[in-house]
N, C-alpha and C. Protein backbone atom coordinates (compact mmCIF):
# COMPACT_ATOMS: atom_id res chain seq x y z
N MET A 1 2.74 9.85 -13.83
CA MET A 1 2.62 8.76 -12.87
C MET A 1 3.98 8.37 -12.31
N ASP A 2 5.04 9.03 -12.77
CA ASP A 2 6.37 8.72 -12.26
C ASP A 2 6.47 8.94 -10.76
N VAL A 3 5.86 10.01 -10.26
CA VAL A 3 5.91 10.31 -8.82
C VAL A 3 5.17 9.23 -8.05
N SER A 4 3.99 8.87 -8.51
CA SER A 4 3.22 7.84 -7.79
C SER A 4 3.91 6.48 -7.87
N ARG A 5 4.56 6.20 -8.97
CA ARG A 5 5.31 4.95 -9.10
C ARG A 5 6.44 4.92 -8.07
N ASN A 6 7.15 6.03 -7.92
CA ASN A 6 8.22 6.12 -6.93
C ASN A 6 7.67 5.99 -5.51
N MET A 7 6.54 6.64 -5.24
CA MET A 7 5.91 6.52 -3.93
C MET A 7 5.55 5.07 -3.63
N ALA A 8 4.99 4.39 -4.61
CA ALA A 8 4.60 2.99 -4.43
C ALA A 8 5.82 2.13 -4.13
N ARG A 9 6.90 2.37 -4.84
CA ARG A 9 8.13 1.61 -4.62
C ARG A 9 8.65 1.82 -3.20
N ILE A 10 8.66 3.06 -2.75
CA ILE A 10 9.11 3.36 -1.39
C ILE A 10 8.22 2.66 -0.36
N ALA A 11 6.91 2.71 -0.58
CA ALA A 11 5.97 2.08 0.34
C ALA A 11 6.18 0.57 0.40
N VAL A 12 6.37 -0.05 -0.75
CA VAL A 12 6.60 -1.50 -0.79
C VAL A 12 7.89 -1.85 -0.06
N ASP A 13 8.96 -1.08 -0.29
CA ASP A 13 10.22 -1.31 0.41
C ASP A 13 10.02 -1.20 1.93
N ALA A 14 9.26 -0.20 2.35
CA ALA A 14 9.01 0.00 3.79
C ALA A 14 8.24 -1.17 4.38
N LEU A 15 7.28 -1.68 3.65
CA LEU A 15 6.52 -2.85 4.11
C LEU A 15 7.41 -4.07 4.21
N GLU A 16 8.23 -4.27 3.19
CA GLU A 16 9.13 -5.43 3.19
C GLU A 16 10.16 -5.35 4.30
N ASP A 17 10.59 -4.13 4.66
CA ASP A 17 11.51 -3.94 5.78
C ASP A 17 10.95 -4.52 7.08
N LYS A 18 9.64 -4.49 7.20
CA LYS A 18 8.97 -4.97 8.42
C LYS A 18 8.33 -6.33 8.23
N LYS A 19 8.82 -7.07 7.22
CA LYS A 19 8.40 -8.46 6.98
C LYS A 19 6.91 -8.61 6.66
N ALA A 20 6.38 -7.67 5.87
CA ALA A 20 4.99 -7.76 5.44
C ALA A 20 4.77 -9.05 4.67
N GLN A 21 3.57 -9.58 4.78
CA GLN A 21 3.22 -10.80 4.07
C GLN A 21 2.36 -10.46 2.86
N ASP A 22 2.59 -11.21 1.78
CA ASP A 22 1.73 -11.15 0.59
C ASP A 22 1.48 -9.71 0.12
N VAL A 23 2.54 -8.99 -0.19
CA VAL A 23 2.41 -7.62 -0.68
C VAL A 23 1.89 -7.66 -2.11
N THR A 24 0.78 -6.97 -2.33
CA THR A 24 0.16 -6.91 -3.65
C THR A 24 0.07 -5.45 -4.07
N ILE A 25 0.47 -5.19 -5.32
CA ILE A 25 0.42 -3.83 -5.87
C ILE A 25 -0.58 -3.86 -7.02
N ILE A 26 -1.57 -2.97 -6.97
CA ILE A 26 -2.58 -2.92 -8.02
C ILE A 26 -2.58 -1.51 -8.62
N ASP A 27 -2.35 -1.44 -9.92
CA ASP A 27 -2.45 -0.18 -10.65
C ASP A 27 -3.93 0.04 -10.95
N ILE A 28 -4.51 1.05 -10.30
CA ILE A 28 -5.94 1.33 -10.50
C ILE A 28 -6.15 2.61 -11.30
N SER A 29 -5.08 3.13 -11.89
CA SER A 29 -5.17 4.42 -12.59
C SER A 29 -6.16 4.41 -13.75
N ASN A 30 -6.38 3.26 -14.36
CA ASN A 30 -7.31 3.19 -15.49
C ASN A 30 -8.74 2.85 -15.09
N VAL A 31 -8.96 2.56 -13.81
CA VAL A 31 -10.32 2.19 -13.38
C VAL A 31 -10.89 3.11 -12.30
N SER A 32 -10.07 4.04 -11.79
CA SER A 32 -10.54 4.92 -10.72
C SER A 32 -9.75 6.22 -10.71
N VAL A 33 -10.40 7.28 -10.26
CA VAL A 33 -9.71 8.56 -10.13
C VAL A 33 -9.19 8.79 -8.71
N ILE A 34 -9.45 7.86 -7.79
CA ILE A 34 -9.07 8.10 -6.40
C ILE A 34 -7.57 7.94 -6.15
N ALA A 35 -6.89 7.16 -6.99
CA ALA A 35 -5.45 6.93 -6.79
C ALA A 35 -4.89 6.24 -8.03
N ASP A 36 -3.57 6.17 -8.10
CA ASP A 36 -2.91 5.41 -9.16
C ASP A 36 -2.64 3.97 -8.72
N TYR A 37 -2.28 3.81 -7.42
CA TYR A 37 -1.93 2.48 -6.91
C TYR A 37 -2.60 2.19 -5.58
N PHE A 38 -3.02 0.96 -5.43
CA PHE A 38 -3.36 0.38 -4.14
C PHE A 38 -2.24 -0.59 -3.80
N ILE A 39 -1.77 -0.52 -2.59
CA ILE A 39 -0.81 -1.51 -2.09
C ILE A 39 -1.47 -2.21 -0.92
N ILE A 40 -1.50 -3.52 -0.97
CA ILE A 40 -2.18 -4.32 0.05
C ILE A 40 -1.18 -5.29 0.64
N ALA A 41 -1.15 -5.35 1.97
CA ALA A 41 -0.25 -6.28 2.66
C ALA A 41 -0.90 -6.67 3.97
N ASN A 42 -0.36 -7.69 4.59
CA ASN A 42 -0.85 -8.05 5.92
C ASN A 42 0.31 -8.45 6.83
N GLY A 43 0.01 -8.38 8.11
CA GLY A 43 0.94 -8.79 9.14
C GLY A 43 0.32 -9.88 9.98
N THR A 44 1.12 -10.43 10.88
CA THR A 44 0.65 -11.56 11.68
C THR A 44 0.05 -11.15 13.02
N ASN A 45 0.32 -9.91 13.44
CA ASN A 45 -0.24 -9.46 14.72
C ASN A 45 -0.35 -7.94 14.72
N ARG A 46 -1.05 -7.43 15.71
CA ARG A 46 -1.31 -5.98 15.80
C ARG A 46 -0.03 -5.16 15.81
N ASN A 47 0.96 -5.58 16.58
CA ASN A 47 2.21 -4.82 16.66
C ASN A 47 2.91 -4.74 15.31
N GLN A 48 2.93 -5.85 14.58
CA GLN A 48 3.57 -5.83 13.26
C GLN A 48 2.80 -4.93 12.30
N VAL A 49 1.48 -5.02 12.31
CA VAL A 49 0.66 -4.20 11.42
C VAL A 49 0.93 -2.72 11.70
N GLN A 50 0.96 -2.34 12.97
CA GLN A 50 1.24 -0.95 13.31
C GLN A 50 2.67 -0.55 12.94
N SER A 51 3.61 -1.44 13.13
CA SER A 51 5.00 -1.17 12.78
C SER A 51 5.16 -0.96 11.27
N MET A 52 4.44 -1.74 10.48
CA MET A 52 4.49 -1.57 9.03
C MET A 52 3.93 -0.20 8.65
N ALA A 53 2.81 0.19 9.26
CA ALA A 53 2.23 1.50 8.97
C ALA A 53 3.18 2.63 9.37
N ASP A 54 3.79 2.50 10.54
CA ASP A 54 4.75 3.51 10.99
C ASP A 54 5.90 3.64 10.01
N ASN A 55 6.41 2.51 9.52
CA ASN A 55 7.55 2.53 8.61
C ASN A 55 7.19 3.14 7.25
N VAL A 56 6.01 2.82 6.75
CA VAL A 56 5.56 3.42 5.49
C VAL A 56 5.46 4.93 5.65
N GLU A 57 4.83 5.37 6.73
CA GLU A 57 4.67 6.81 6.96
C GLU A 57 6.04 7.49 7.11
N GLU A 58 6.96 6.86 7.81
CA GLU A 58 8.29 7.43 8.02
C GLU A 58 9.06 7.51 6.70
N LYS A 59 9.10 6.42 5.95
CA LYS A 59 9.89 6.39 4.71
C LYS A 59 9.33 7.34 3.66
N LEU A 60 8.01 7.37 3.52
CA LEU A 60 7.43 8.30 2.56
C LEU A 60 7.58 9.74 3.04
N GLY A 61 7.51 9.94 4.36
CA GLY A 61 7.73 11.27 4.92
C GLY A 61 9.13 11.79 4.63
N LYS A 62 10.12 10.92 4.77
CA LYS A 62 11.50 11.31 4.48
C LYS A 62 11.68 11.65 3.00
N ALA A 63 10.85 11.06 2.16
CA ALA A 63 10.91 11.34 0.72
C ALA A 63 10.07 12.57 0.34
N GLY A 64 9.44 13.19 1.35
CA GLY A 64 8.68 14.42 1.10
C GLY A 64 7.19 14.25 0.91
N PHE A 65 6.66 13.08 1.22
CA PHE A 65 5.24 12.82 1.04
C PHE A 65 4.55 12.70 2.40
N THR A 66 3.49 13.44 2.58
CA THR A 66 2.74 13.34 3.83
C THR A 66 1.37 12.73 3.55
N PRO A 67 0.88 11.94 4.50
CA PRO A 67 -0.42 11.32 4.27
C PRO A 67 -1.56 12.33 4.36
N LYS A 68 -2.52 12.15 3.49
CA LYS A 68 -3.74 12.95 3.55
C LYS A 68 -4.58 12.49 4.74
N GLN A 69 -4.54 11.17 4.97
CA GLN A 69 -5.36 10.59 6.03
C GLN A 69 -4.82 9.22 6.41
N ILE A 70 -4.95 8.90 7.70
CA ILE A 70 -4.62 7.57 8.20
C ILE A 70 -5.81 7.11 9.03
N GLU A 71 -6.29 5.92 8.76
CA GLU A 71 -7.44 5.38 9.50
C GLU A 71 -7.12 3.99 10.02
N GLY A 72 -7.70 3.65 11.16
CA GLY A 72 -7.64 2.29 11.68
C GLY A 72 -6.40 1.94 12.47
N TYR A 73 -5.58 2.92 12.79
CA TYR A 73 -4.30 2.62 13.45
C TYR A 73 -4.50 1.97 14.82
N GLN A 74 -5.42 2.48 15.60
CA GLN A 74 -5.59 1.97 16.97
C GLN A 74 -6.03 0.52 17.01
N THR A 75 -6.97 0.15 16.15
CA THR A 75 -7.46 -1.23 16.18
C THR A 75 -6.55 -2.17 15.40
N ALA A 76 -5.86 -1.64 14.39
CA ALA A 76 -4.86 -2.37 13.59
C ALA A 76 -5.40 -3.62 12.90
N GLY A 77 -6.70 -3.68 12.67
CA GLY A 77 -7.24 -4.75 11.84
C GLY A 77 -7.10 -4.42 10.37
N TRP A 78 -7.28 -3.13 10.07
CA TRP A 78 -7.12 -2.61 8.72
C TRP A 78 -6.66 -1.17 8.86
N ILE A 79 -5.41 -0.92 8.56
CA ILE A 79 -4.89 0.45 8.58
C ILE A 79 -4.82 0.93 7.15
N LEU A 80 -5.43 2.08 6.90
CA LEU A 80 -5.42 2.69 5.58
C LEU A 80 -4.56 3.95 5.65
N LEU A 81 -3.56 4.02 4.80
CA LEU A 81 -2.70 5.20 4.70
C LEU A 81 -2.93 5.81 3.32
N ASP A 82 -3.56 6.98 3.29
CA ASP A 82 -3.92 7.63 2.04
C ASP A 82 -2.88 8.70 1.72
N PHE A 83 -2.06 8.41 0.72
CA PHE A 83 -1.05 9.36 0.25
C PHE A 83 -1.48 9.95 -1.10
N ARG A 84 -2.78 10.11 -1.28
CA ARG A 84 -3.41 10.64 -2.48
C ARG A 84 -3.25 9.70 -3.68
N ASP A 85 -2.10 9.70 -4.34
CA ASP A 85 -1.92 8.86 -5.53
C ASP A 85 -1.63 7.41 -5.19
N VAL A 86 -1.23 7.16 -3.96
CA VAL A 86 -0.93 5.80 -3.50
C VAL A 86 -1.68 5.58 -2.19
N ILE A 87 -2.45 4.53 -2.14
CA ILE A 87 -3.19 4.19 -0.92
C ILE A 87 -2.69 2.83 -0.45
N VAL A 88 -2.22 2.79 0.79
CA VAL A 88 -1.65 1.58 1.37
C VAL A 88 -2.66 0.99 2.35
N HIS A 89 -2.98 -0.27 2.15
CA HIS A 89 -3.89 -1.00 3.04
C HIS A 89 -3.08 -2.07 3.75
N ILE A 90 -3.03 -1.99 5.08
CA ILE A 90 -2.30 -2.99 5.86
C ILE A 90 -3.31 -3.69 6.76
N PHE A 91 -3.40 -4.99 6.61
CA PHE A 91 -4.41 -5.77 7.29
C PHE A 91 -3.83 -6.77 8.28
N SER A 92 -4.69 -7.18 9.21
CA SER A 92 -4.44 -8.44 9.91
C SER A 92 -4.79 -9.54 8.90
N GLU A 93 -4.32 -10.74 9.14
CA GLU A 93 -4.61 -11.84 8.21
C GLU A 93 -6.12 -12.07 8.06
N GLU A 94 -6.85 -12.03 9.17
CA GLU A 94 -8.28 -12.30 9.14
C GLU A 94 -9.04 -11.23 8.38
N ASP A 95 -8.72 -9.96 8.65
CA ASP A 95 -9.44 -8.88 7.99
C ASP A 95 -9.13 -8.83 6.50
N ARG A 96 -7.91 -9.16 6.12
CA ARG A 96 -7.59 -9.17 4.69
C ARG A 96 -8.44 -10.20 3.95
N ALA A 97 -8.56 -11.37 4.52
CA ALA A 97 -9.37 -12.41 3.89
C ALA A 97 -10.84 -11.99 3.83
N PHE A 98 -11.31 -11.33 4.87
CA PHE A 98 -12.72 -10.92 4.93
C PHE A 98 -13.03 -9.85 3.89
N TYR A 99 -12.22 -8.80 3.81
CA TYR A 99 -12.51 -7.68 2.90
C TYR A 99 -12.11 -7.95 1.46
N ASP A 100 -11.12 -8.77 1.21
CA ASP A 100 -10.75 -9.25 -0.12
C ASP A 100 -10.70 -8.13 -1.16
N LEU A 101 -9.88 -7.12 -0.90
CA LEU A 101 -9.77 -5.98 -1.82
C LEU A 101 -9.27 -6.39 -3.20
N GLU A 102 -8.45 -7.41 -3.26
CA GLU A 102 -7.96 -7.86 -4.57
C GLU A 102 -9.12 -8.26 -5.49
N ARG A 103 -10.13 -8.87 -4.93
CA ARG A 103 -11.30 -9.24 -5.73
C ARG A 103 -12.09 -8.00 -6.12
N ILE A 104 -12.30 -7.11 -5.16
CA ILE A 104 -13.09 -5.90 -5.41
C ILE A 104 -12.44 -5.03 -6.49
N TRP A 105 -11.11 -4.95 -6.45
CA TRP A 105 -10.38 -4.12 -7.41
C TRP A 105 -9.76 -4.97 -8.52
N GLY A 106 -10.43 -6.04 -8.86
CA GLY A 106 -9.95 -6.96 -9.88
C GLY A 106 -9.81 -6.37 -11.27
N ASP A 107 -10.45 -5.22 -11.53
CA ASP A 107 -10.31 -4.57 -12.83
C ASP A 107 -8.98 -3.82 -12.94
N GLY A 108 -8.30 -3.63 -11.81
CA GLY A 108 -6.98 -3.01 -11.85
C GLY A 108 -5.95 -4.00 -12.37
N ILE A 109 -4.74 -3.51 -12.57
CA ILE A 109 -3.66 -4.34 -13.10
C ILE A 109 -2.68 -4.64 -11.99
N LYS A 110 -2.49 -5.92 -11.67
CA LYS A 110 -1.49 -6.28 -10.68
C LYS A 110 -0.11 -6.08 -11.29
N VAL A 111 0.75 -5.39 -10.53
CA VAL A 111 2.12 -5.16 -10.99
C VAL A 111 3.08 -5.67 -9.92
N THR A 112 4.32 -5.83 -10.30
CA THR A 112 5.34 -6.27 -9.36
C THR A 112 6.18 -5.08 -8.93
N LYS A 113 6.94 -5.27 -7.88
CA LYS A 113 7.85 -4.23 -7.43
C LYS A 113 8.83 -3.86 -8.53
N GLU A 114 9.28 -4.84 -9.28
CA GLU A 114 10.21 -4.60 -10.37
C GLU A 114 9.59 -3.73 -11.45
N ASP A 115 8.28 -3.90 -11.69
CA ASP A 115 7.59 -3.06 -12.67
C ASP A 115 7.64 -1.58 -12.28
N LEU A 116 7.67 -1.31 -10.99
CA LEU A 116 7.65 0.08 -10.52
C LEU A 116 8.93 0.85 -10.86
N VAL A 117 10.01 0.15 -11.12
CA VAL A 117 11.27 0.85 -11.42
C VAL A 117 11.47 1.03 -12.91
N HIS A 118 10.65 0.42 -13.73
CA HIS A 118 10.79 0.55 -15.18
C HIS A 118 9.96 1.72 -15.68
N GLU A 119 10.56 2.58 -16.42
CA GLU A 119 9.89 3.77 -16.95
C GLU A 119 8.82 3.46 -17.98
N ASP A 120 8.92 2.30 -18.64
CA ASP A 120 8.00 2.01 -19.73
C ASP A 120 6.67 1.46 -19.26
N LEU A 121 6.46 1.28 -17.97
CA LEU A 121 5.18 0.81 -17.44
C LEU A 121 4.15 1.92 -17.62
N SER A 122 3.02 1.59 -18.18
CA SER A 122 1.98 2.61 -18.34
C SER A 122 0.71 2.19 -17.69
């Protein structure tokens, strides 16, 4: 999970570079086989949401990771960037409240950005 932890850290940094709001990291490795981490954030408008997605894709791309799939970019209400082990969800404020992924994935473990740099996190 070291690679996915590093990917998650890069993604969070990229989101924070673009002033993402309420960045939440959920370790879902023990509750799902689809990924190790979900990262959820929101922006205040369509341009910011798209800019955050662009920055995540660029930063992870520079680190050697390419997305398996990107959905929702044009409408920018909910952009999903699937990097296999790390899935980034970037929402508008309204759509984030509506879909409430934190509640749906409540069996996962919320972690902090600082947790991602510590090797002893399991």
